[in-house]
């Protein structure tokens, strides 16, 4: 049934659904990050989520060293 629905979608509809799912999945980890670091500001949460999504090596290439301290602490 799902595949039938997908086959009937136009390419632009498929792309739109993909972007919606990506945003939903990407934001699903934020509550856990907020709970783990309740004193973190939005920038720190952004950096922590970016590190989680990109992995440590790519994160360092893009953003430099972790400048937000260890979990639960502010630098």
PDB file of N, CA and C in Angstrom:
ATOM      1  N   UNK A   1       0.818  -1.186   0.000  1.00  0.00           N
ATOM      2  CA  UNK A   1       0.000   0.000   0.000  1.00  0.00           C
ATOM      3  C   UNK A   1       0.872   1.264   0.000  1.00  0.00           C
ATOM      4  N   UNK A   2       1.885   1.296   0.884  1.00  0.00           N
ATOM      5  CA  UNK A   2       2.774   2.466   0.940  1.00  0.00           C
ATOM      6  C   UNK A   2       3.472   2.655  -0.401  1.00  0.00           C
ATOM      7  N   UNK A   3       3.955   1.562  -0.990  1.00  0.00           N
ATOM      8  CA  UNK A   3       4.651   1.681  -2.272  1.00  0.00           C
ATOM      9  C   UNK A   3       3.717   2.167  -3.366  1.00  0.00           C
ATOM     10  N   UNK A   4       2.457   1.746  -3.333  1.00  0.00           N
ATOM     11  CA  UNK A   4       1.488   2.242  -4.315  1.00  0.00           C
ATOM     12  C   UNK A   4       1.315   3.752  -4.184  1.00  0.00           C
ATOM     13  N   UNK A   5       1.221   4.228  -2.944  1.00  0.00           N
ATOM     14  CA  UNK A   5       1.094   5.672  -2.726  1.00  0.00           C
ATOM     15  C   UNK A   5       2.325   6.412  -3.240  1.00  0.00           C
ATOM     16  N   UNK A   6       3.480   5.841  -2.986  1.00  0.00           N
ATOM     17  CA  UNK A   6       4.726   6.477  -3.443  1.00  0.00           C
ATOM     18  C   UNK A   6       4.801   6.537  -4.958  1.00  0.00           C
ATOM     19  N   UNK A   7       4.402   5.473  -5.600  1.00  0.00           N
ATOM     20  CA  UNK A   7       4.448   5.437  -7.066  1.00  0.00           C
ATOM     21  C   UNK A   7       3.546   6.498  -7.687  1.00  0.00           C
ATOM     22  N   UNK A   8       2.464   6.824  -7.008  1.00  0.00           N
ATOM     23  CA  UNK A   8       1.502   7.795  -7.549  1.00  0.00           C
ATOM     24  C   UNK A   8       1.922   9.243  -7.299  1.00  0.00           C
ATOM     25  N   UNK A   9       2.900   9.461  -6.427  1.00  0.00           N
ATOM     26  CA  UNK A   9       3.352  10.822  -6.129  1.00  0.00           C
ATOM     27  C   UNK A   9       4.239  11.357  -7.241  1.00  0.00           C
ATOM     28  N   UNK A  10       4.146  12.653  -7.444  1.00  0.00           N
ATOM     29  CA  UNK A  10       5.054  13.308  -8.389  1.00  0.00           C
ATOM     30  C   UNK A  10       6.428  13.422  -7.730  1.00  0.00           C
ATOM     31  N   UNK A  11       7.475  13.632  -8.504  1.00  0.00           N
ATOM     32  CA  UNK A  11       8.803  13.815  -7.913  1.00  0.00           C
ATOM     33  C   UNK A  11       8.845  14.948  -6.887  1.00  0.00           C
ATOM     34  N   UNK A  12       8.136  16.041  -7.153  1.00  0.00           N
ATOM     35  CA  UNK A  12       8.151  17.151  -6.191  1.00  0.00           C
ATOM     36  C   UNK A  12       7.444  16.765  -4.889  1.00  0.00           C
ATOM     37  N   UNK A  13       6.374  15.960  -4.968  1.00  0.00           N
ATOM     38  CA  UNK A  13       5.706  15.488  -3.759  1.00  0.00           C
ATOM     39  C   UNK A  13       6.618  14.560  -2.961  1.00  0.00           C
ATOM     40  N   UNK A  14       7.340  13.696  -3.657  1.00  0.00           N
ATOM     41  CA  UNK A  14       8.281  12.787  -2.981  1.00  0.00           C
ATOM     42  C   UNK A  14       9.368  13.574  -2.262  1.00  0.00           C
ATOM     43  N   UNK A  15       9.882  14.594  -2.922  1.00  0.00           N
ATOM     44  CA  UNK A  15      10.913  15.431  -2.302  1.00  0.00           C
ATOM     45  C   UNK A  15      10.353  16.153  -1.080  1.00  0.00           C
ATOM     46  N   UNK A  16       9.157  16.697  -1.212  1.00  0.00           N
ATOM     47  CA  UNK A  16       8.529  17.392  -0.083  1.00  0.00           C
ATOM     48  C   UNK A  16       8.363  16.456   1.100  1.00  0.00           C
ATOM     49  N   UNK A  17       7.886  15.242   0.886  1.00  0.00           N
ATOM     50  CA  UNK A  17       7.715  14.257   1.968  1.00  0.00           C
ATOM     51  C   UNK A  17       9.068  13.899   2.588  1.00  0.00           C
ATOM     52  N   UNK A  18      10.082  13.761   1.760  1.00  0.00           N
ATOM     53  CA  UNK A  18      11.421  13.439   2.264  1.00  0.00           C
ATOM     54  C   UNK A  18      11.935  14.550   3.169  1.00  0.00           C
ATOM     55  N   UNK A  19      11.759  15.790   2.757  1.00  0.00           N
ATOM     56  CA  UNK A  19      12.213  16.921   3.566  1.00  0.00           C
ATOM     57  C   UNK A  19      11.432  17.018   4.874  1.00  0.00           C
ATOM     58  N   UNK A  20      10.143  16.740   4.828  1.00  0.00           N
ATOM     59  CA  UNK A  20       9.328  16.766   6.042  1.00  0.00           C
ATOM     60  C   UNK A  20       9.794  15.686   7.026  1.00  0.00           C
ATOM     61  N   UNK A  21      10.007  14.479   6.526  1.00  0.00           N
ATOM     62  CA  UNK A  21      10.479  13.392   7.394  1.00  0.00           C
ATOM     63  C   UNK A  21      11.864  13.693   7.958  1.00  0.00           C
ATOM     64  N   UNK A  22      12.716  14.257   7.128  1.00  0.00           N
ATOM     65  CA  UNK A  22      14.060  14.589   7.583  1.00  0.00           C
ATOM     66  C   UNK A  22      14.020  15.608   8.718  1.00  0.00           C
ATOM     67  N   UNK A  23      13.189  16.629   8.578  1.00  0.00           N
ATOM     68  CA  UNK A  23      13.070  17.651   9.626  1.00  0.00           C
ATOM     69  C   UNK A  23      12.503  17.049  10.903  1.00  0.00           C
ATOM     70  N   UNK A  24      11.514  16.173  10.758  1.00  0.00           N
ATOM     71  CA  UNK A  24      10.898  15.553  11.925  1.00  0.00           C
ATOM     72  C   UNK A  24      11.899  14.659  12.662  1.00  0.00           C
ATOM     73  N   UNK A  25      12.627  13.859  11.919  1.00  0.00           N
ATOM     74  CA  UNK A  25      13.607  12.968  12.536  1.00  0.00           C
ATOM     75  C   UNK A  25      14.754  13.773  13.133  1.00  0.00           C
ATOM     76  N   UNK A  26      15.187  14.809  12.437  1.00  0.00           N
ATOM     77  CA  UNK A  26      16.268  15.656  12.938  1.00  0.00           C
ATOM     78  C   UNK A  26      15.936  16.352  14.235  1.00  0.00           C
ATOM     79  N   UNK A  27      14.688  16.733  14.399  1.00  0.00           N
ATOM     80  CA  UNK A  27      14.299  17.430  15.618  1.00  0.00           C
ATOM     81  C   UNK A  27      13.939  16.488  16.759  1.00  0.00           C
ATOM     82  N   UNK A  28      13.824  15.207  16.477  1.00  0.00           N
ATOM     83  CA  UNK A  28      13.402  14.267  17.520  1.00  0.00           C
ATOM     84  C   UNK A  28      14.456  14.078  18.615  1.00  0.00           C
ATOM     85  N   UNK A  29      15.715  14.362  18.331  1.00  0.00           N
ATOM     86  CA  UNK A  29      16.760  14.207  19.335  1.00  0.00           C
ATOM     87  C   UNK A  29      16.927  15.406  20.251  1.00  0.00           C
ATOM     88  N   UNK A  30      16.327  16.523  19.914  1.00  0.00           N
ATOM     89  CA  UNK A  30      16.518  17.738  20.703  1.00  0.00           C
ATOM     90  C   UNK A  30      15.997  17.611  22.128  1.00  0.00           C
ATOM     91  N   UNK A  31      14.821  17.038  22.376  1.00  0.00           N
ATOM     92  CA  UNK A  31      14.360  16.913  23.768  1.00  0.00           C
ATOM     93  C   UNK A  31      15.341  16.141  24.651  1.00  0.00           C
ATOM     94  N   UNK A  32      15.934  15.090  24.127  1.00  0.00           N
ATOM     95  CA  UNK A  32      16.909  14.332  24.910  1.00  0.00           C
ATOM     96  C   UNK A  32      18.142  15.182  25.203  1.00  0.00           C
ATOM     97  N   UNK A  33      18.558  15.972  24.238  1.00  0.00           N
ATOM     98  CA  UNK A  33      19.710  16.859  24.432  1.00  0.00           C
ATOM     99  C   UNK A  33      19.393  17.927  25.484  1.00  0.00           C
ATOM    100  N   UNK A  34      18.188  18.469  25.446  1.00  0.00           N
ATOM    101  CA  UNK A  34      17.768  19.469  26.432  1.00  0.00           C
ATOM    102  C   UNK A  34      17.735  18.847  27.827  1.00  0.00           C
ATOM    103  N   UNK A  35      17.209  17.642  27.937  1.00  0.00           N
ATOM    104  CA  UNK A  35      17.160  16.956  29.232  1.00  0.00           C
ATOM    105  C   UNK A  35      18.550  16.650  29.765  1.00  0.00           C
ATOM    106  N   UNK A  36      19.475  16.300  28.874  1.00  0.00           N
ATOM    107  CA  UNK A  36      20.835  15.965  29.298  1.00  0.00           C
ATOM    108  C   UNK A  36      21.626  17.202  29.704  1.00  0.00           C
ATOM    109  N   UNK A  37      21.306  18.338  29.116  1.00  0.00           N
ATOM    110  CA  UNK A  37      22.030  19.589  29.401  1.00  0.00           C
ATOM    111  C   UNK A  37      21.024  20.709  29.624  1.00  0.00           C
ATOM    112  N   UNK A  38      20.331  20.701  30.764  1.00  0.00           N
ATOM    113  CA  UNK A  38      19.247  21.666  30.987  1.00  0.00           C
ATOM    114  C   UNK A  38      19.694  23.128  31.049  1.00  0.00           C
ATOM    115  N   UNK A  39      20.959  23.382  31.319  1.00  0.00           N
ATOM    116  CA  UNK A  39      21.441  24.765  31.404  1.00  0.00           C
ATOM    117  C   UNK A  39      22.017  25.274  30.083  1.00  0.00           C
ATOM    118  N   UNK A  40      21.946  24.459  29.039  1.00  0.00           N
ATOM    119  CA  UNK A  40      22.525  24.839  27.753  1.00  0.00           C
ATOM    120  C   UNK A  40      21.661  25.884  27.060  1.00  0.00           C
ATOM    121  N   UNK A  41      22.320  26.838  26.395  1.00  0.00           N
ATOM    122  CA  UNK A  41      21.574  27.811  25.601  1.00  0.00           C
ATOM    123  C   UNK A  41      21.344  27.229  24.200  1.00  0.00           C
ATOM    124  N   UNK A  42      20.644  27.983  23.354  1.00  0.00           N
ATOM    125  CA  UNK A  42      20.294  27.478  22.021  1.00  0.00           C
ATOM    126  C   UNK A  42      21.526  27.167  21.180  1.00  0.00           C
ATOM    127  N   UNK A  43      22.570  27.996  21.290  1.00  0.00           N
ATOM    128  CA  UNK A  43      23.797  27.757  20.510  1.00  0.00           C
ATOM    129  C   UNK A  43      24.449  26.443  20.924  1.00  0.00           C
ATOM    130  N   UNK A  44      24.542  26.203  22.216  1.00  0.00           N
ATOM    131  CA  UNK A  44      25.151  24.961  22.697  1.00  0.00           C
ATOM    132  C   UNK A  44      24.328  23.756  22.249  1.00  0.00           C
ATOM    133  N   UNK A  45      23.003  23.857  22.339  1.00  0.00           N
ATOM    134  CA  UNK A  45      22.155  22.754  21.886  1.00  0.00           C
ATOM    135  C   UNK A  45      22.354  22.506  20.392  1.00  0.00           C
ATOM    136  N   UNK A  46      22.438  23.600  19.622  1.00  0.00           N
ATOM    137  CA  UNK A  46      22.681  23.468  18.190  1.00  0.00           C
ATOM    138  C   UNK A  46      23.998  22.737  17.925  1.00  0.00           C
ATOM    139  N   UNK A  47      25.061  23.141  18.619  1.00  0.00           N
ATOM    140  CA  UNK A  47      26.360  22.517  18.418  1.00  0.00           C
ATOM    141  C   UNK A  47      26.357  21.053  18.843  1.00  0.00           C
ATOM    142  N   UNK A  48      25.694  20.745  19.931  1.00  0.00           N
ATOM    143  CA  UNK A  48      25.615  19.352  20.379  1.00  0.00           C
ATOM    144  C   UNK A  48      24.853  18.489  19.374  1.00  0.00           C
ATOM    145  N   UNK A  49      23.752  19.020  18.845  1.00  0.00           N
ATOM    146  CA  UNK A  49      22.990  18.276  17.843  1.00  0.00           C
ATOM    147  C   UNK A  49      23.797  18.135  16.552  1.00  0.00           C
ATOM    148  N   UNK A  50      24.512  19.180  16.165  1.00  0.00           N
ATOM    149  CA  UNK A  50      25.341  19.110  14.965  1.00  0.00           C
ATOM    150  C   UNK A  50      26.423  18.047  15.124  1.00  0.00           C
ATOM    151  N   UNK A  51      27.038  18.000  16.300  1.00  0.00           N
ATOM    152  CA  UNK A  51      28.073  16.995  16.546  1.00  0.00           C
ATOM    153  C   UNK A  51      27.492  15.592  16.492  1.00  0.00           C
ATOM    154  N   UNK A  52      26.307  15.434  17.031  1.00  0.00           N
ATOM    155  CA  UNK A  52      25.650  14.124  17.017  1.00  0.00           C
ATOM    156  C   UNK A  52      25.320  13.710  15.579  1.00  0.00           C
ATOM    157  N   UNK A  53      24.856  14.649  14.773  1.00  0.00           N
ATOM    158  CA  UNK A  53      24.463  14.331  13.404  1.00  0.00           C
ATOM    159  C   UNK A  53      25.650  14.161  12.460  1.00  0.00           C
ATOM    160  N   UNK A  54      26.678  14.971  12.653  1.00  0.00           N
ATOM    161  CA  UNK A  54      27.819  14.950  11.736  1.00  0.00           C
ATOM    162  C   UNK A  54      28.894  13.948  12.126  1.00  0.00           C
ATOM    163  N   UNK A  55      28.968  13.624  13.404  1.00  0.00           N
ATOM    164  CA  UNK A  55      30.069  12.814  13.898  1.00  0.00           C
ATOM    165  C   UNK A  55      31.214  13.723  14.300  1.00  0.00           C
ATOM    166  N   UNK A  56      32.095  13.243  15.177  1.00  0.00           N
ATOM    167  CA  UNK A  56      33.140  14.120  15.719  1.00  0.00           C
ATOM    168  C   UNK A  56      34.127  14.654  14.684  1.00  0.00           C
ATOM    169  N   UNK A  57      34.512  13.832  13.721  1.00  0.00           N
ATOM    170  CA  UNK A  57      35.523  14.276  12.759  1.00  0.00           C
ATOM    171  C   UNK A  57      34.996  15.383  11.849  1.00  0.00           C
ATOM    172  N   UNK A  58      33.839  15.169  11.253  1.00  0.00           N
ATOM    173  CA  UNK A  58      33.267  16.193  10.377  1.00  0.00           C
ATOM    174  C   UNK A  58      32.869  17.433  11.174  1.00  0.00           C
ATOM    175  N   UNK A  59      32.379  17.243  12.400  1.00  0.00           N
ATOM    176  CA  UNK A  59      32.033  18.386  13.244  1.00  0.00           C
ATOM    177  C   UNK A  59      33.254  19.284  13.453  1.00  0.00           C
ATOM    178  N   UNK A  60      34.402  18.698  13.768  1.00  0.00           N
ATOM    179  CA  UNK A  60      35.628  19.497  13.978  1.00  0.00           C
ATOM    180  C   UNK A  60      36.041  20.226  12.706  1.00  0.00           C
ATOM    181  N   UNK A  61      35.863  19.577  11.543  1.00  0.00           N
ATOM    182  CA  UNK A  61      36.209  20.236  10.283  1.00  0.00           C
ATOM    183  C   UNK A  61      35.309  21.444  10.030  1.00  0.00           C
ATOM    184  N   UNK A  62      34.043  21.322  10.382  1.00  0.00           N
ATOM    185  CA  UNK A  62      33.083  22.385  10.098  1.00  0.00           C
ATOM    186  C   UNK A  62      33.104  23.479  11.160  1.00  0.00           C
ATOM    187  N   UNK A  63      33.098  23.085  12.437  1.00  0.00           N
ATOM    188  CA  UNK A  63      32.926  24.037  13.530  1.00  0.00           C
ATOM    189  C   UNK A  63      34.169  24.234  14.390  1.00  0.00           C
ATOM    190  N   UNK A  64      35.233  23.504  14.142  1.00  0.00           N
ATOM    191  CA  UNK A  64      36.407  23.582  14.997  1.00  0.00           C
ATOM    192  C   UNK A  64      36.237  22.676  16.206  1.00  0.00           C
ATOM    193  N   UNK A  65      37.053  22.887  17.200  1.00  0.00           N
ATOM    194  CA  UNK A  65      36.977  22.053  18.400  1.00  0.00           C
ATOM    195  C   UNK A  65      35.676  22.280  19.147  1.00  0.00           C
ATOM    196  N   UNK A  66      35.289  21.300  19.948  1.00  0.00           N
ATOM    197  CA  UNK A  66      34.095  21.436  20.792  1.00  0.00           C
ATOM    198  C   UNK A  66      34.317  22.604  21.736  1.00  0.00           C
ATOM    199  N   UNK A  67      33.585  23.674  21.558  1.00  0.00           N
ATOM    200  CA  UNK A  67      33.781  24.851  22.398  1.00  0.00           C
ATOM    201  C   UNK A  67      32.662  25.021  23.420  1.00  0.00           C
ATOM    202  N   UNK A  68      31.868  23.988  23.611  1.00  0.00           N
ATOM    203  CA  UNK A  68      30.760  24.119  24.536  1.00  0.00           C
ATOM    204  C   UNK A  68      30.968  23.348  25.825  1.00  0.00           C
ATOM    205  N   UNK A  69      32.161  22.831  26.062  1.00  0.00           N
ATOM    206  CA  UNK A  69      32.452  22.146  27.317  1.00  0.00           C
ATOM    207  C   UNK A  69      31.923  20.726  27.325  1.00  0.00           C
ATOM    208  N   UNK A  70      32.154  20.047  28.400  1.00  0.00           N
ATOM    209  CA  UNK A  70      31.660  18.680  28.523  1.00  0.00           C
ATOM    210  C   UNK A  70      30.180  18.699  28.868  1.00  0.00           C
ATOM    211  N   UNK A  71      29.480  17.563  28.691  1.00  0.00           N
ATOM    212  CA  UNK A  71      28.030  17.550  28.937  1.00  0.00           C
ATOM    213  C   UNK A  71      27.667  18.125  30.298  1.00  0.00           C
ATOM    214  N   UNK A  72      26.699  19.032  30.290  1.00  0.00           N
ATOM    215  CA  UNK A  72      26.210  19.613  31.522  1.00  0.00           C
ATOM    216  C   UNK A  72      27.029  20.776  32.036  1.00  0.00           C
ATOM    217  N   UNK A  73      28.120  21.106  31.379  1.00  0.00           N
ATOM    218  CA  UNK A  73      28.951  22.209  31.832  1.00  0.00           C
ATOM    219  C   UNK A  73      29.036  23.264  30.750  1.00  0.00           C
ATOM    220  N   UNK A  74      29.248  24.480  31.149  1.00  0.00           N
ATOM    221  CA  UNK A  74      29.444  25.585  30.213  1.00  0.00           C
ATOM    222  C   UNK A  74      30.917  25.963  30.223  1.00  0.00           C
ATOM    223  N   UNK A  75      31.454  26.245  29.059  1.00  0.00           N
ATOM    224  CA  UNK A  75      32.865  26.666  29.011  1.00  0.00           C
ATOM    225  C   UNK A  75      32.987  28.159  29.144  1.00  0.00           C
TER     226      UNK A  75
END
